[in-house]
Protein backbone atom coordinates (compact mmCIF):
# COMPACT_ATOMS: atom_id res chain seq x y z
CA MET A 1 7.47 -30.26 18.17
CA ASN A 2 7.27 -28.79 21.66
CA LEU A 3 6.07 -25.20 21.77
CA ASP A 4 6.90 -23.15 24.83
CA PHE A 5 6.04 -19.48 25.27
CA SER A 6 6.86 -19.28 28.97
CA PHE A 7 10.46 -18.26 28.32
CA TYR A 8 9.43 -14.97 26.71
CA ASP A 9 10.42 -11.72 28.37
CA TRP A 10 7.84 -9.38 26.87
CA GLY A 11 9.74 -6.32 28.01
CA VAL A 12 12.78 -7.41 26.02
CA ILE A 13 10.74 -8.56 23.02
CA SER A 14 9.00 -5.20 22.74
CA ASN A 15 12.36 -3.55 22.09
CA TYR A 16 12.80 -5.70 18.98
CA VAL A 17 9.21 -5.81 17.79
CA LEU A 18 8.23 -2.15 18.25
CA LYS A 19 11.11 -0.95 16.08
CA GLY A 20 9.92 -3.19 13.27
CA PHE A 21 6.28 -2.27 13.87
CA TYR A 22 7.04 1.44 13.54
CA PHE A 23 8.77 0.89 10.21
CA SER A 24 5.92 -1.32 8.91
CA VAL A 25 3.37 1.38 9.80
CA PHE A 26 5.58 4.12 8.34
CA LEU A 27 6.02 2.17 5.11
CA THR A 28 2.27 1.51 4.91
CA VAL A 29 1.33 5.18 5.40
CA VAL A 30 3.97 6.57 3.03
CA ALA A 31 3.26 3.96 0.34
CA THR A 32 -0.50 4.58 0.64
CA LEU A 33 -0.21 8.36 0.32
CA GLY A 34 2.41 8.20 -2.42
CA GLY A 35 0.55 5.44 -4.21
CA ILE A 36 -2.73 7.38 -4.17
CA VAL A 37 -1.08 10.55 -5.52
CA PHE A 38 0.90 8.73 -8.22
CA GLY A 39 -2.04 6.42 -8.91
CA THR A 40 -4.40 9.37 -9.38
CA VAL A 41 -2.03 10.85 -11.95
CA LEU A 42 -1.90 7.51 -13.78
CA ALA A 43 -5.69 7.18 -13.66
CA LEU A 44 -6.17 10.66 -15.12
CA MET A 45 -3.65 9.85 -17.84
CA ARG A 46 -5.61 6.72 -18.75
CA LEU A 47 -8.88 8.65 -18.79
CA SER A 48 -7.52 11.60 -20.73
CA GLY A 49 -8.43 10.12 -24.13
CA LYS A 50 -4.98 11.06 -25.43
CA LYS A 51 -2.88 8.14 -26.66
CA TRP A 52 0.45 9.73 -25.73
CA LEU A 53 -0.77 9.79 -22.11
CA ASP A 54 -2.97 6.69 -22.06
CA VAL A 55 -0.51 4.20 -23.59
CA PRO A 56 2.49 4.82 -21.28
CA ALA A 57 0.21 4.78 -18.22
CA ALA A 58 -1.45 1.54 -19.35
CA ILE A 59 1.93 -0.11 -19.98
CA TYR A 60 3.17 0.93 -16.53
CA VAL A 61 0.03 -0.19 -14.68
CA ASN A 62 -0.34 -3.52 -16.49
CA GLY A 63 3.39 -4.19 -16.26
CA MET A 64 3.57 -3.58 -12.52
CA ARG A 65 0.43 -5.63 -11.87
CA SER A 66 1.95 -8.56 -13.79
CA ILE A 67 5.08 -8.87 -11.62
CA PRO A 68 5.10 -10.28 -8.05
CA LEU A 69 5.89 -7.59 -5.50
CA VAL A 70 8.80 -9.54 -4.02
CA MET A 71 10.45 -9.62 -7.47
CA VAL A 72 10.03 -5.86 -7.83
CA ILE A 73 11.55 -5.35 -4.37
CA LEU A 74 14.53 -7.61 -5.10
CA GLY A 75 15.01 -6.25 -8.62
CA PHE A 76 15.06 -2.62 -7.48
CA PHE A 77 17.29 -3.34 -4.48
CA LEU A 78 19.84 -5.31 -6.52
CA LEU A 79 19.86 -3.40 -9.82
CA VAL A 80 19.65 0.26 -8.79
CA PRO A 81 23.09 0.27 -7.08
CA PHE A 82 24.63 -0.74 -10.42
CA VAL A 83 22.88 2.18 -12.15
CA ILE A 84 23.66 4.95 -9.65
CA GLY A 85 26.94 3.48 -8.45
CA ARG A 86 26.11 3.20 -4.76
CA PRO A 87 23.68 1.32 -2.49
CA ILE A 88 20.58 3.17 -1.31
CA GLY A 89 19.75 1.04 1.72
CA ALA A 90 16.99 -1.48 2.35
CA GLU A 91 14.55 0.97 3.96
CA TYR A 92 14.80 3.62 1.22
CA SER A 93 14.58 0.91 -1.43
CA ALA A 94 11.43 -0.49 0.22
CA VAL A 95 9.73 2.93 0.34
CA ILE A 96 10.43 3.73 -3.32
CA THR A 97 9.45 0.24 -4.47
CA PHE A 98 6.18 0.18 -2.56
CA ILE A 99 5.10 3.60 -3.81
CA ALA A 100 5.88 2.64 -7.41
CA PHE A 101 4.18 -0.75 -7.12
CA GLU A 102 1.09 0.27 -5.17
CA ALA A 103 0.47 3.20 -7.52
CA ALA A 104 -0.50 0.68 -10.20
CA TYR A 105 -3.19 -0.83 -7.97
CA PHE A 106 -4.43 2.50 -6.61
CA SER A 107 -4.58 3.75 -10.20
CA GLU A 108 -7.16 1.12 -11.13
CA ILE A 109 -9.16 1.86 -7.98
CA MET A 110 -9.10 5.58 -8.77
CA ARG A 111 -10.04 5.00 -12.41
CA ALA A 112 -13.03 2.87 -11.40
CA GLY A 113 -14.08 5.46 -8.82
CA ILE A 114 -13.90 8.32 -11.31
CA GLN A 115 -15.87 6.34 -13.88
CA SER A 116 -18.55 5.64 -11.25
CA ILE A 117 -19.52 9.33 -11.21
CA PRO A 118 -22.39 10.06 -13.63
CA ARG A 119 -21.26 11.78 -16.81
CA GLY A 120 -23.97 14.35 -16.30
CA GLN A 121 -21.94 15.92 -13.50
CA VAL A 122 -18.95 16.25 -15.81
CA PHE A 123 -21.11 17.98 -18.41
CA ALA A 124 -22.63 20.23 -15.73
CA GLY A 125 -19.17 21.36 -14.66
CA GLN A 126 -18.24 22.08 -18.25
CA ALA A 127 -21.49 24.00 -18.74
CA VAL A 128 -20.63 26.46 -15.96
CA GLY A 129 -17.22 27.09 -17.51
CA MET A 130 -14.98 24.82 -15.42
CA SER A 131 -11.76 23.58 -16.96
CA TYR A 132 -10.90 19.87 -16.97
CA GLY A 133 -8.65 20.32 -13.94
CA GLN A 134 -11.22 22.32 -11.98
CA ASN A 135 -13.95 19.82 -12.81
CA MET A 136 -11.84 16.93 -11.57
CA ARG A 137 -10.59 18.71 -8.45
CA LEU A 138 -13.86 20.29 -7.32
CA VAL A 139 -16.60 17.99 -8.62
CA ILE A 140 -15.45 14.51 -9.62
CA LEU A 141 -12.58 13.54 -7.33
CA PRO A 142 -14.26 14.47 -3.98
CA GLN A 143 -17.23 12.22 -4.83
CA ALA A 144 -14.99 9.51 -6.26
CA PHE A 145 -12.86 9.42 -3.10
CA ARG A 146 -15.93 8.89 -0.96
CA ASN A 147 -17.08 6.04 -3.20
CA MET A 148 -13.62 4.49 -3.20
CA LEU A 149 -12.78 4.94 0.48
CA PRO A 150 -13.62 1.38 1.62
CA VAL A 151 -11.70 -0.11 -1.32
CA LEU A 152 -8.72 2.20 -0.73
CA LEU A 153 -8.62 1.21 2.94
CA THR A 154 -8.88 -2.49 2.05
CA GLN A 155 -5.93 -2.10 -0.32
CA THR A 156 -4.04 -0.36 2.50
CA ILE A 157 -4.61 -3.39 4.75
CA ILE A 158 -3.25 -5.64 2.00
CA LEU A 159 -0.31 -3.24 1.70
CA PHE A 160 0.40 -3.60 5.43
CA GLN A 161 0.48 -7.37 5.03
CA ASP A 162 2.82 -7.01 2.05
CA THR A 163 5.31 -4.99 4.10
CA SER A 164 6.53 -8.32 5.46
CA LEU A 165 8.10 -8.93 2.03
CA VAL A 166 10.81 -6.34 2.73
CA TYR A 167 12.26 -9.08 4.92
CA ALA A 168 13.75 -10.37 1.63
CA ILE A 169 16.14 -7.41 1.42
CA GLY A 170 16.91 -7.22 5.12
CA ALA A 171 14.77 -4.21 6.06
CA TYR A 172 13.82 -4.14 9.72
CA ASP A 173 10.05 -4.53 9.66
CA LEU A 174 7.60 -6.15 12.09
CA LEU A 175 8.40 -9.68 10.90
CA LYS A 176 12.14 -8.99 11.21
CA GLY A 177 11.59 -7.84 14.78
CA PHE A 178 9.90 -11.12 15.70
CA GLU A 179 12.60 -13.11 13.92
CA THR A 180 15.37 -11.26 15.79
CA SER A 181 13.72 -11.84 19.15
CA GLY A 182 13.20 -15.51 18.26
CA LYS A 183 16.88 -15.97 17.45
CA ASN A 184 17.95 -14.26 20.67
CA PHE A 185 15.70 -16.52 22.74
CA GLY A 186 16.39 -19.61 20.65
CA ARG A 187 12.67 -20.02 19.84
CA PRO A 188 12.16 -19.14 16.16
CA VAL A 189 8.98 -21.23 15.71
CA GLU A 190 7.17 -19.54 18.58
CA SER A 191 8.28 -16.13 17.29
CA TYR A 192 6.85 -16.75 13.83
CA LEU A 193 3.59 -18.00 15.36
CA LEU A 194 3.35 -14.86 17.47
CA ALA A 195 4.05 -12.75 14.39
CA ALA A 196 1.18 -14.47 12.57
CA VAL A 197 -1.16 -13.79 15.52
CA VAL A 198 -0.15 -10.09 15.64
CA TYR A 199 -0.64 -9.67 11.89
CA PHE A 200 -4.04 -11.38 12.15
CA ILE A 201 -5.22 -9.20 15.03
CA ILE A 202 -4.15 -5.97 13.34
CA CYS A 203 -5.55 -6.83 9.91
CA TYR A 204 -8.79 -8.33 11.24
CA SER A 205 -9.42 -5.26 13.41
CA LEU A 206 -8.79 -2.91 10.49
CA SER A 207 -11.03 -5.01 8.22
CA TYR A 208 -13.84 -4.74 10.79
CA VAL A 209 -13.46 -0.95 10.86
CA VAL A 210 -13.57 -0.81 7.04
CA LYS A 211 -16.72 -2.97 7.05
CA ARG A 212 -18.45 -0.62 9.49
CA LEU A 213 -17.33 2.39 7.44
CA HIS A 214 -18.67 0.82 4.26
CA LYS A 215 -22.10 0.33 5.89
CA LYS A 216 -22.08 3.93 7.13
CA ILE A 217 -21.26 5.28 3.66
CA ALA A 218 -23.99 3.09 2.16
CA ILE A 219 -26.53 4.60 4.59
CA ILE A 220 -25.45 8.15 3.70
CA ARG A 221 -26.07 7.42 0.04
């Protein structure tokens, strides 16, 4: 196999790749924020001690974590149009699917972070008359978020890598941008290799930042 990158017109390629890159970043940010919010709700449901809240949340979290993401993406994209009677588009389908799927993983991170806070602080909040909601919002969750920050960011990096799976439903992500440019130039192999290099550079750089942040948080403690 003869690889040749000399044919590339980087000005032209950027038009294809940047469009996909913007969507991959957008999907990562929206899925992270939505996943954290939904995941926090699920975590609180599982920690509530009430079966009517704990059981549905546990079924949802364990169910989502037992299915490959690509199957969830394809299932939602193919089945929802039959339910609502019209297609919703690959991009919208990807956003909804990623939020729903990542919430299950963020839920477990949030639950572990909340449980890492000493119970004495919970009792102290109750002693001064705080309600359950106030205690969580003002005392427990701020500390839990700081403890969980490196893990949350690591999961976000994994989420960014997983955005390439929306390629399965035709959404225009970063990988799709490289594939399109490769087809136009007649060099698909080189395009996929470049895509792998770009994903590696981005994810490795972010992982290095998370590692430094983790050390900084450890020093503060």
